[in-house]
Amino acid sequence: MADDIKIAVIGGSGLYNMPEITNVETVNISTPFGQPSGAITVGTLRGKRVAFLPRHGVGHIFTPTTVPYKANIFALKSLGVRFIIGVNACGSLREDYAPGHIVIPDQLFDYTNSRDRSFFETNLVAHIGVAEPFSPELSQQLLSAVRQAGGTAHNGGTFLIEEGPRFATRAESNVFRQWGCSLIGMTTCPEAFLAREAEIAYATMAHVTDYDSWHTSEEPVNVDMVVATFHRNIELAQKAIAIAVEKLDEDAVYECHSALANAIMTDRTKIKQETIDRLRPIVGRYFTGNEG
């Protein structure tokens, strides 16, 4: 199965409840970092096998901080995934990025403070480059797919990720605007960084549900507002995902697919074999023998 699943979607469970998906099966994967958010649903969409993972778990049981990001990305990498499409709800920090619109961001600002951001720990150190945190190639394909599906899509913007689970104060929201950020959300970090460490192309569709807290002529963000707007956009998201999957070349090679090539700093003779074995789906191709 692993060789056939090269595309994954991380988002809500509603994304894979579409009639087009056939040959559906459920996959449960254990990882060295615990269990993923939930079982992975694998189905055939426009001729390709696609893995769907509910980021917050079935029934939305994980907070943005407690989502098992490392287990999620590791599990998808274990299946052979090379491309991840993220789907996020977000607030807008710009007047022109209005609720109901979709943004394909090109930058990230990690404002979280309580998350495990890397697969690489003591005994195997790697410094990954994330100057461009999203795959530009996959991002452009997502942008085209959203527009083809009939959505209002914006190209680019800085996506600030706050810790949550609370929403921002008005003061914070205004400061984020002064920093030049376009969107605010809670889950794309460290998801995007872990995907880069795993050499997986990652891009996200950010669904604008509100104007956060800065817009004094609009009601401040609340859960009802986020859920209502996102649910209205589910059909659009499904259409865009189907189009993107259909057009995606599963064998395409992007720069991010070799992100670890020059990132590992630890002396190979100091790396324990058990560490290599633990991270084998991610680092295996760079270690062909017993380095430790």
Protein backbone atom coordinates (compact mmCIF):
# COMPACT_ATOMS: atom_id res chain seq x y z
CA MET A 1 0.00 0.00 0.00
CA ALA A 2 2.74 2.47 0.95
CA ASP A 3 4.06 2.80 -2.59
CA ASP A 4 0.61 3.82 -3.82
CA ILE A 5 -0.12 6.64 -1.36
CA LYS A 6 1.83 9.75 -2.26
CA ILE A 7 -0.75 12.46 -1.48
CA ALA A 8 -2.28 13.30 1.89
CA VAL A 9 -4.80 15.82 3.16
CA ILE A 10 -4.75 17.04 6.76
CA GLY A 11 -7.91 18.77 7.95
CA GLY A 12 -11.39 18.06 9.23
CA SER A 13 -13.24 14.80 8.79
CA GLY A 14 -15.73 16.46 6.42
CA LEU A 15 -13.10 16.69 3.72
CA TYR A 16 -13.23 13.02 2.83
CA ASN A 17 -17.00 12.63 2.97
CA MET A 18 -17.43 13.18 -0.75
CA PRO A 19 -19.10 10.83 -3.23
CA GLU A 20 -16.09 10.85 -5.56
CA ILE A 21 -13.93 8.92 -3.14
CA THR A 22 -14.05 5.15 -3.67
CA ASN A 23 -12.26 2.04 -2.39
CA VAL A 24 -12.13 3.47 1.11
CA GLU A 25 -10.15 1.75 3.84
CA THR A 26 -8.95 2.71 7.29
CA VAL A 27 -5.32 2.48 8.34
CA ASN A 28 -4.08 2.57 11.93
CA ILE A 29 -0.40 3.36 12.36
CA SER A 30 1.71 3.43 15.51
CA THR A 31 4.79 5.66 15.51
CA PRO A 32 7.78 6.25 17.82
CA PHE A 33 6.00 9.48 18.75
CA GLY A 34 2.72 7.89 19.76
CA GLN A 35 -0.54 7.54 17.92
CA PRO A 36 -1.64 10.01 15.20
CA SER A 37 -4.71 12.18 15.76
CA GLY A 38 -6.88 9.35 14.47
CA ALA A 39 -7.14 6.55 11.99
CA ILE A 40 -6.05 7.49 8.48
CA THR A 41 -8.72 7.14 5.82
CA VAL A 42 -7.35 6.09 2.44
CA GLY A 43 -9.46 6.30 -0.68
CA THR A 44 -9.20 6.65 -4.44
CA LEU A 45 -9.85 10.17 -5.71
CA ARG A 46 -9.68 10.82 -9.46
CA GLY A 47 -7.51 7.80 -10.00
CA LYS A 48 -5.04 8.38 -7.17
CA ARG A 49 -4.80 6.96 -3.68
CA VAL A 50 -5.09 9.74 -1.10
CA ALA A 51 -4.68 9.61 2.67
CA PHE A 52 -6.96 11.80 4.82
CA LEU A 53 -6.00 12.56 8.41
CA PRO A 54 -8.28 14.44 10.86
CA ARG A 55 -5.90 16.94 12.48
CA HIS A 56 -7.88 17.42 15.70
CA GLY A 57 -9.10 13.82 15.86
CA VAL A 58 -12.64 12.59 15.26
CA GLY A 59 -14.95 14.87 17.22
CA HIS A 60 -12.28 17.59 17.56
CA ILE A 61 -10.70 16.21 20.74
CA PHE A 62 -7.21 17.75 20.46
CA THR A 63 -6.42 21.40 21.17
CA PRO A 64 -4.07 23.15 18.73
CA THR A 65 -1.23 22.56 21.21
CA THR A 66 -1.98 18.89 21.94
CA VAL A 67 -2.39 17.76 18.31
CA PRO A 68 0.20 14.96 17.91
CA TYR A 69 1.95 16.68 15.02
CA LYS A 70 5.05 14.48 15.02
CA ALA A 71 3.01 11.27 15.02
CA ASN A 72 0.81 12.63 12.22
CA ILE A 73 3.66 13.53 9.88
CA PHE A 74 5.66 10.41 10.73
CA ALA A 75 2.64 8.19 10.01
CA LEU A 76 2.06 9.83 6.63
CA LYS A 77 5.74 9.56 5.74
CA SER A 78 5.59 5.85 6.67
CA LEU A 79 2.84 5.41 4.09
CA GLY A 80 5.05 6.90 1.38
CA VAL A 81 3.40 10.33 1.26
CA ARG A 82 5.32 12.96 -0.74
CA PHE A 83 2.75 15.78 -0.86
CA ILE A 84 0.54 17.16 1.92
CA ILE A 85 -2.36 19.52 1.40
CA GLY A 86 -3.27 21.23 4.66
CA VAL A 87 -6.70 22.76 5.20
CA ASN A 88 -7.05 25.36 7.95
CA ALA A 89 -9.59 27.79 9.33
CA CYS A 90 -8.03 31.18 10.03
CA GLY A 91 -8.71 34.78 10.90
CA SER A 92 -7.88 37.64 8.56
CA LEU A 93 -5.61 40.53 9.54
CA ARG A 94 -6.35 42.39 6.30
CA GLU A 95 -9.48 44.09 5.07
CA ASP A 96 -9.21 42.56 1.59
CA TYR A 97 -8.89 38.97 2.86
CA ALA A 98 -12.57 38.67 3.74
CA PRO A 99 -14.49 35.86 5.45
CA GLY A 100 -15.35 33.20 2.89
CA HIS A 101 -12.16 33.81 0.91
CA ILE A 102 -9.32 31.30 0.70
CA VAL A 103 -5.68 32.28 1.00
CA ILE A 104 -2.66 30.25 -0.10
CA PRO A 105 -0.02 31.72 2.24
CA ASP A 106 3.64 31.81 1.33
CA GLN A 107 5.15 32.66 4.72
CA LEU A 108 4.83 31.54 8.35
CA PHE A 109 5.41 33.35 11.63
CA ASP A 110 5.65 30.89 14.50
CA TYR A 111 4.24 32.62 17.59
CA THR A 112 3.68 29.39 19.52
CA ASN A 113 5.64 28.61 22.67
CA SER A 114 4.70 25.11 23.89
CA ARG A 115 5.20 22.78 20.94
CA ASP A 116 7.74 20.15 19.96
CA ARG A 117 8.98 21.45 16.62
CA SER A 118 11.47 18.87 15.39
CA PHE A 119 12.06 15.16 14.85
CA PHE A 120 15.74 15.75 15.54
CA GLU A 121 16.85 15.53 19.14
CA THR A 122 19.99 14.58 21.07
CA ASN A 123 22.25 12.20 19.11
CA LEU A 124 21.05 13.25 15.65
CA VAL A 125 21.01 16.98 14.99
CA ALA A 126 19.75 18.49 11.75
CA HIS A 127 19.14 22.13 10.87
CA ILE A 128 16.46 22.32 8.21
CA GLY A 129 16.06 25.34 5.95
CA VAL A 130 12.59 26.90 5.97
CA ALA A 131 13.15 30.33 4.44
CA GLU A 132 10.26 29.35 2.16
CA PRO A 133 8.16 27.25 4.57
CA PHE A 134 5.57 26.18 1.99
CA SER A 135 6.25 24.33 -1.23
CA PRO A 136 5.91 27.04 -3.92
CA GLU A 137 5.08 24.46 -6.59
CA LEU A 138 2.30 22.82 -4.58
CA SER A 139 1.02 26.21 -3.43
CA GLN A 140 0.54 27.38 -7.01
CA GLN A 141 -1.31 24.20 -7.85
CA LEU A 142 -3.62 24.74 -4.87
CA LEU A 143 -4.23 28.36 -5.88
CA SER A 144 -5.21 27.29 -9.38
CA ALA A 145 -7.45 24.51 -8.04
CA VAL A 146 -9.35 26.84 -5.69
CA ARG A 147 -9.97 29.33 -8.47
CA GLN A 148 -11.04 26.58 -10.86
CA ALA A 149 -13.46 25.35 -8.17
CA GLY A 150 -15.05 28.81 -8.11
CA GLY A 151 -13.53 30.19 -4.93
CA THR A 152 -12.09 33.63 -4.27
CA ALA A 153 -8.43 32.84 -3.75
CA HIS A 154 -5.55 35.11 -2.71
CA ASN A 155 -1.95 34.34 -3.58
CA GLY A 156 0.46 34.79 -0.69
CA GLY A 157 0.50 36.27 2.76
CA THR A 158 2.19 35.73 6.10
CA PHE A 159 0.36 33.25 8.31
CA LEU A 160 0.94 33.90 12.02
CA ILE A 161 0.36 30.86 14.22
CA GLU A 162 -0.61 31.61 17.82
CA GLU A 163 -0.56 29.08 20.63
CA GLY A 164 -4.28 28.99 21.37
CA PRO A 165 -6.68 27.64 22.30
CA ARG A 166 -7.87 31.13 23.15
CA PHE A 167 -8.30 33.74 20.44
CA ALA A 168 -6.14 36.86 20.34
CA THR A 169 -6.89 40.02 22.28
CA ARG A 170 -7.59 43.14 20.26
CA ALA A 171 -4.19 44.53 21.27
CA GLU A 172 -2.42 41.39 20.06
CA SER A 173 -4.39 41.36 16.83
CA ASN A 174 -3.41 44.96 16.11
CA VAL A 175 0.27 44.26 16.84
CA PHE A 176 0.20 41.28 14.47
CA ARG A 177 -1.17 43.61 11.79
CA GLN A 178 1.65 46.06 12.44
CA TRP A 179 4.11 43.22 11.96
CA GLY A 180 2.79 42.75 8.44
CA CYS A 181 0.98 39.47 9.02
CA SER A 182 -2.02 38.65 6.85
CA LEU A 183 -3.63 35.71 8.62
CA ILE A 184 -3.83 34.23 12.08
CA GLY A 185 -4.36 30.58 12.96
CA MET A 186 -3.33 27.90 15.45
CA THR A 187 -2.20 24.71 13.71
CA THR A 188 0.17 25.16 10.76
CA CYS A 189 3.22 25.27 13.06
CA PRO A 190 4.95 22.93 13.59
CA GLU A 191 3.07 20.91 10.96
CA ALA A 192 4.78 22.62 8.03
CA PHE A 193 8.23 22.41 9.63
CA LEU A 194 7.90 18.71 10.42
CA ALA A 195 6.77 18.04 6.86
CA ARG A 196 9.91 19.79 5.60
CA GLU A 197 12.09 17.68 7.91
CA ALA A 198 10.35 14.62 6.48
CA GLU A 199 11.06 15.89 2.94
CA ILE A 200 7.38 16.17 2.10
CA ALA A 201 6.05 19.02 -0.06
CA TYR A 202 3.54 20.96 2.05
CA ALA A 203 1.09 23.73 1.21
CA THR A 204 -2.14 24.87 2.82
CA MET A 205 -5.56 26.24 1.95
CA ALA A 206 -6.36 28.80 4.64
CA HIS A 207 -10.10 29.41 4.86
CA VAL A 208 -10.84 32.88 6.22
CA THR A 209 -13.67 32.61 8.76
CA ASP A 210 -13.46 36.00 10.52
CA TYR A 211 -11.52 39.22 11.03
CA ASP A 212 -9.99 38.06 14.31
CA SER A 213 -10.31 40.79 16.98
CA TRP A 214 -8.90 43.90 15.32
CA HIS A 215 -11.87 44.89 13.15
CA THR A 216 -13.96 47.20 15.33
CA SER A 217 -16.93 47.29 12.95
CA GLU A 218 -17.16 43.48 12.93
CA GLU A 219 -18.01 41.11 15.77
CA PRO A 220 -14.86 39.67 17.39
CA VAL A 221 -14.08 36.10 16.45
CA ASN A 222 -15.96 33.31 18.23
CA VAL A 223 -16.43 29.56 17.74
CA ASP A 224 -19.88 29.86 16.14
CA MET A 225 -18.51 32.25 13.54
CA VAL A 226 -15.56 29.98 12.68
CA VAL A 227 -17.67 26.82 12.41
CA ALA A 228 -20.45 28.41 10.35
CA THR A 229 -18.13 29.96 7.76
CA PHE A 230 -15.91 26.88 7.49
CA HIS A 231 -18.90 24.58 7.00
CA ARG A 232 -20.12 26.79 4.16
CA ASN A 233 -16.73 26.34 2.51
CA ILE A 234 -16.50 22.55 2.87
CA GLU A 235 -17.95 21.86 -0.57
CA LEU A 236 -15.54 24.34 -2.13
CA ALA A 237 -12.63 22.74 -0.28
CA GLN A 238 -13.65 19.30 -1.49
CA LYS A 239 -13.85 20.46 -5.11
CA ALA A 240 -10.48 22.21 -4.90
CA ILE A 241 -8.82 19.15 -3.36
CA ALA A 242 -10.21 16.90 -6.08
CA ILE A 243 -8.91 19.23 -8.81
CA ALA A 244 -5.49 19.54 -7.17
CA VAL A 245 -5.18 15.78 -6.72
CA GLU A 246 -6.15 15.15 -10.35
CA LYS A 247 -3.52 17.55 -11.69
CA LEU A 248 -0.72 16.73 -9.27
CA ASP A 249 2.19 14.79 -10.71
CA GLU A 250 2.87 12.25 -7.96
CA ASP A 251 6.39 11.69 -9.23
CA ALA A 252 7.37 15.36 -9.41
CA VAL A 253 10.56 16.22 -7.56
CA TYR A 254 10.72 19.55 -5.74
CA GLU A 255 13.57 21.11 -3.79
CA CYS A 256 11.91 20.22 -0.48
CA HIS A 257 12.12 16.52 -1.38
CA SER A 258 15.84 16.61 -0.57
CA ALA A 259 15.70 19.06 2.34
CA LEU A 260 17.87 16.84 4.57
CA ALA A 261 20.67 16.39 2.05
CA ASN A 262 22.87 19.06 3.66
CA ALA A 263 21.09 19.50 6.99
CA ILE A 264 22.53 16.77 9.21
CA MET A 265 25.26 18.17 11.49
CA THR A 266 26.10 15.30 13.81
CA ASP A 267 29.28 13.32 13.14
CA ARG A 268 28.09 10.08 11.52
CA THR A 269 30.28 8.02 13.87
CA LYS A 270 28.44 9.51 16.87
CA ILE A 271 24.94 8.64 15.72
CA LYS A 272 23.53 5.54 17.39
CA GLN A 273 21.99 2.88 15.19
CA GLU A 274 18.88 2.89 17.37
CA THR A 275 18.35 6.56 16.55
CA ILE A 276 18.62 5.86 12.82
CA ASP A 277 16.23 2.95 13.13
CA ARG A 278 13.74 5.08 15.07
CA LEU A 279 13.71 7.75 12.36
CA ARG A 280 14.25 5.39 9.41
CA PRO A 281 11.22 6.51 7.31
CA ILE A 282 12.63 10.06 7.45
CA VAL A 283 16.42 9.63 7.40
CA GLY A 284 16.91 6.09 6.12
CA ARG A 285 18.09 7.00 2.64
CA TYR A 286 21.00 8.98 4.13
CA PHE A 287 22.27 6.05 6.20
CA THR A 288 23.10 2.85 4.36
CA GLY A 289 25.10 1.06 7.05
CA ASN A 290 25.82 1.05 10.76
CA GLU A 291 26.93 4.60 11.40
CA GLY A 292 26.98 4.37 15.19
